[in-house]
C-alpha atoms as a PDB file:
ATOM      1  CA  UNK A   1      36.772 122.650  98.939  1.00  0.00           C
ATOM      2  CA  UNK A   2      40.464 123.199  98.134  1.00  0.00           C
ATOM      3  CA  UNK A   3      43.434 122.624 100.313  1.00  0.00           C
ATOM      4  CA  UNK A   4      46.307 124.959 100.703  1.00  0.00           C
ATOM      5  CA  UNK A   5      49.504 123.529 102.057  1.00  0.00           C
ATOM      6  CA  UNK A   6      51.985 125.803 103.675  1.00  0.00           C
ATOM      7  CA  UNK A   7      55.571 124.724 104.559  1.00  0.00           C
ATOM      8  CA  UNK A   8      57.515 126.360 107.242  1.00  0.00           C
ATOM      9  CA  UNK A   9      60.843 126.811 105.498  1.00  0.00           C
ATOM     10  CA  UNK A  10      63.213 126.382 108.444  1.00  0.00           C
ATOM     11  CA  UNK A  11      61.462 123.184 109.760  1.00  0.00           C
ATOM     12  CA  UNK A  12      61.154 121.852 106.338  1.00  0.00           C
ATOM     13  CA  UNK A  13      64.780 122.435 105.334  1.00  0.00           C
ATOM     14  CA  UNK A  14      66.048 121.169 108.776  1.00  0.00           C
ATOM     15  CA  UNK A  15      63.907 118.016 108.345  1.00  0.00           C
ATOM     16  CA  UNK A  16      65.140 117.308 104.847  1.00  0.00           C
ATOM     17  CA  UNK A  17      68.740 117.890 106.007  1.00  0.00           C
ATOM     18  CA  UNK A  18      68.482 115.494 108.827  1.00  0.00           C
ATOM     19  CA  UNK A  19      66.762 112.951 106.703  1.00  0.00           C
ATOM     20  CA  UNK A  20      69.564 113.226 104.132  1.00  0.00           C
ATOM     21  CA  UNK A  21      72.292 113.002 106.728  1.00  0.00           C
ATOM     22  CA  UNK A  22      70.670 110.013 108.413  1.00  0.00           C
ATOM     23  CA  UNK A  23      70.243 108.234 105.081  1.00  0.00           C
ATOM     24  CA  UNK A  24      73.716 108.865 103.961  1.00  0.00           C
ATOM     25  CA  UNK A  25      75.225 107.610 107.225  1.00  0.00           C
ATOM     26  CA  UNK A  26      73.142 104.452 107.213  1.00  0.00           C
ATOM     27  CA  UNK A  27      73.811 103.742 103.553  1.00  0.00           C
ATOM     28  CA  UNK A  28      77.703 104.227 104.044  1.00  0.00           C
ATOM     29  CA  UNK A  29      77.610 101.983 107.004  1.00  0.00           C
ATOM     30  CA  UNK A  30      75.757  99.286 105.441  1.00  0.00           C
ATOM     31  CA  UNK A  31      77.832  99.678 102.212  1.00  0.00           C
ATOM     32  CA  UNK A  32      81.049  99.142 104.184  1.00  0.00           C
ATOM     33  CA  UNK A  33      79.661  96.185 105.933  1.00  0.00           C
ATOM     34  CA  UNK A  34      78.225  94.445 102.946  1.00  0.00           C
ATOM     35  CA  UNK A  35      81.304  92.883 101.393  1.00  0.00           C
ATOM     36  CA  UNK A  36      82.210  91.213 104.703  1.00  0.00           C
ATOM     37  CA  UNK A  37      78.788  89.623 105.090  1.00  0.00           C
ATOM     38  CA  UNK A  38      77.457  88.963 101.662  1.00  0.00           C
ATOM     39  CA  UNK A  39      78.823  85.396 101.365  1.00  0.00           C
ATOM     40  CA  UNK A  40      77.457  84.313 104.703  1.00  0.00           C
ATOM     41  CA  UNK A  41      74.565  81.883 105.084  1.00  0.00           C
ATOM     42  CA  UNK A  42      72.739  83.870 107.711  1.00  0.00           C
ATOM     43  CA  UNK A  43      73.242  87.611 106.611  1.00  0.00           C
ATOM     44  CA  UNK A  44      71.375  89.286 109.517  1.00  0.00           C
ATOM     45  CA  UNK A  45      73.479  87.516 112.177  1.00  0.00           C
ATOM     46  CA  UNK A  46      76.807  88.147 110.342  1.00  0.00           C
ATOM     47  CA  UNK A  47      75.781  91.742 109.838  1.00  0.00           C
ATOM     48  CA  UNK A  48      75.018  92.173 113.523  1.00  0.00           C
ATOM     49  CA  UNK A  49      78.228  90.555 114.557  1.00  0.00           C
ATOM     50  CA  UNK A  50      80.302  92.735 112.123  1.00  0.00           C
ATOM     51  CA  UNK A  51      78.670  95.991 113.245  1.00  0.00           C
ATOM     52  CA  UNK A  52      79.344  95.027 116.931  1.00  0.00           C
ATOM     53  CA  UNK A  53      82.969  94.157 116.447  1.00  0.00           C
ATOM     54  CA  UNK A  54      84.391  96.806 113.984  1.00  0.00           C
ATOM     55  CA  UNK A  55      84.859 100.377 115.121  1.00  0.00           C
ATOM     56  CA  UNK A  56      85.243 103.702 113.364  1.00  0.00           C
ATOM     57  CA  UNK A  57      87.978 106.032 114.674  1.00  0.00           C
ATOM     58  CA  UNK A  58      87.241 109.870 114.352  1.00  0.00           C
ATOM     59  CA  UNK A  59      90.486 110.892 115.809  1.00  0.00           C
ATOM     60  CA  UNK A  60      91.453 112.412 119.174  1.00  0.00           C
ATOM     61  CA  UNK A  61      90.273 109.322 121.039  1.00  0.00           C
ATOM     62  CA  UNK A  62      86.757 109.212 119.731  1.00  0.00           C
ATOM     63  CA  UNK A  63      85.750 105.714 118.551  1.00  0.00           C
ATOM     64  CA  UNK A  64      82.339 104.365 117.783  1.00  0.00           C
ATOM     65  CA  UNK A  65      81.252 100.943 116.965  1.00  0.00           C
ATOM     66  CA  UNK A  66      79.461 100.690 113.696  1.00  0.00           C
ATOM     67  CA  UNK A  67      76.408  99.415 115.408  1.00  0.00           C
ATOM     68  CA  UNK A  68      76.266 102.686 117.383  1.00  0.00           C
ATOM     69  CA  UNK A  69      76.759 104.722 114.161  1.00  0.00           C
ATOM     70  CA  UNK A  70      73.815 102.660 112.599  1.00  0.00           C
ATOM     71  CA  UNK A  71      71.617 103.384 115.572  1.00  0.00           C
ATOM     72  CA  UNK A  72      72.455 107.164 115.667  1.00  0.00           C
ATOM     73  CA  UNK A  73      71.977 107.405 111.810  1.00  0.00           C
ATOM     74  CA  UNK A  74      68.485 105.678 112.153  1.00  0.00           C
ATOM     75  CA  UNK A  75      67.476 108.013 114.922  1.00  0.00           C
ATOM     76  CA  UNK A  76      68.582 111.019 112.984  1.00  0.00           C
ATOM     77  CA  UNK A  77      66.634 109.707 109.805  1.00  0.00           C
ATOM     78  CA  UNK A  78      63.392 109.328 112.009  1.00  0.00           C
ATOM     79  CA  UNK A  79      63.717 112.809 113.605  1.00  0.00           C
ATOM     80  CA  UNK A  80      64.216 114.359 110.134  1.00  0.00           C
ATOM     81  CA  UNK A  81      61.132 112.589 108.822  1.00  0.00           C
ATOM     82  CA  UNK A  82      59.031 113.732 111.767  1.00  0.00           C
ATOM     83  CA  UNK A  83      60.389 117.337 111.469  1.00  0.00           C
ATOM     84  CA  UNK A  84      59.505 117.336 107.596  1.00  0.00           C
ATOM     85  CA  UNK A  85      56.040 116.009 108.280  1.00  0.00           C
ATOM     86  CA  UNK A  86      55.325 118.419 111.234  1.00  0.00           C
ATOM     87  CA  UNK A  87      56.592 121.462 109.350  1.00  0.00           C
ATOM     88  CA  UNK A  88      53.557 121.852 107.117  1.00  0.00           C
ATOM     89  CA  UNK A  89      50.061 123.284 107.764  1.00  0.00           C
ATOM     90  CA  UNK A  90      47.094 122.389 105.672  1.00  0.00           C
ATOM     91  CA  UNK A  91      44.326 124.918 105.341  1.00  0.00           C
ATOM     92  CA  UNK A  92      40.961 124.229 103.775  1.00  0.00           C
ATOM     93  CA  UNK A  93      39.619 126.937 101.660  1.00  0.00           C
ATOM     94  CA  UNK A  94      35.807 126.914 101.442  1.00  0.00           C
ATOM     95  CA  UNK A  95      32.818 129.106 102.081  1.00  0.00           C
ATOM     96  CA  UNK A  96      33.592 129.849 105.620  1.00  0.00           C
ATOM     97  CA  UNK A  97      36.970 130.359 107.310  1.00  0.00           C
ATOM     98  CA  UNK A  98      37.724 130.028 111.043  1.00  0.00           C
ATOM     99  CA  UNK A  99      39.116 133.305 112.430  1.00  0.00           C
ATOM    100  CA  UNK A 100      40.825 133.871 115.787  1.00  0.00           C
ATOM    101  CA  UNK A 101      41.251 137.092 117.756  1.00  0.00           C
ATOM    102  CA  UNK A 102      44.748 137.798 118.931  1.00  0.00           C
ATOM    103  CA  UNK A 103      43.608 139.411 122.198  1.00  0.00           C
ATOM    104  CA  UNK A 104      40.788 137.204 123.608  1.00  0.00           C
ATOM    105  CA  UNK A 105      41.722 134.016 121.550  1.00  0.00           C
ATOM    106  CA  UNK A 106      38.119 133.281 120.664  1.00  0.00           C
ATOM    107  CA  UNK A 107      37.283 131.847 117.379  1.00  0.00           C
ATOM    108  CA  UNK A 108      34.476 132.590 115.034  1.00  0.00           C
ATOM    109  CA  UNK A 109      33.420 131.611 111.456  1.00  0.00           C
ATOM    110  CA  UNK A 110      33.332 134.280 108.723  1.00  0.00           C
ATOM    111  CA  UNK A 111      32.576 134.118 105.076  1.00  0.00           C
ATOM    112  CA  UNK A 112      36.093 135.198 104.171  1.00  0.00           C
ATOM    113  CA  UNK A 113      39.154 136.417 105.801  1.00  0.00           C
ATOM    114  CA  UNK A 114      39.404 140.195 105.868  1.00  0.00           C
ATOM    115  CA  UNK A 115      42.419 142.413 106.616  1.00  0.00           C
ATOM    116  CA  UNK A 116      40.605 144.205 109.456  1.00  0.00           C
ATOM    117  CA  UNK A 117      37.561 142.952 111.395  1.00  0.00           C
ATOM    118  CA  UNK A 118      35.727 143.561 114.821  1.00  0.00           C
ATOM    119  CA  UNK A 119      35.943 140.646 117.069  1.00  0.00           C
ATOM    120  CA  UNK A 120      32.349 139.677 118.108  1.00  0.00           C
ATOM    121  CA  UNK A 121      33.427 138.733 121.645  1.00  0.00           C
ATOM    122  CA  UNK A 122      35.734 141.526 122.795  1.00  0.00           C
ATOM    123  CA  UNK A 123      34.476 144.169 120.210  1.00  0.00           C
ATOM    124  CA  UNK A 124      38.041 145.320 119.216  1.00  0.00           C
ATOM    125  CA  UNK A 125      39.080 146.151 115.827  1.00  0.00           C
ATOM    126  CA  UNK A 126      41.753 143.583 115.046  1.00  0.00           C
ATOM    127  CA  UNK A 127      43.599 141.894 112.329  1.00  0.00           C
ATOM    128  CA  UNK A 128      42.303 138.181 112.710  1.00  0.00           C
ATOM    129  CA  UNK A 129      44.393 135.170 112.514  1.00  0.00           C
ATOM    130  CA  UNK A 130      43.371 132.095 110.580  1.00  0.00           C
END
């Protein structure tokens, strides 16, 4: 039995873009904070204190603490990861395939997917969906 993986292009691209943006934001935040906390004995406490005290000014009165930027970038990274994972479908190709009627939504097994078939439940000539 072989597997066929189909990626939804919009979801896959959006997920990868969000993942890249979140990774870059988190890397830049930690890269800027590292010189100030590298020579400390307790790095995690010093990093937390540094991120809560320093701010990033975006102009026109918009200011964010570096901790808020780190939390936002982590959330964007996780959303991008989930979007990438959920944008794919895996189909198993074997002897039988599962077809669905677009009218009555009933499913049945057939030996192979045909372009046109007759639904055994509503008896209409349809183009079945897998």
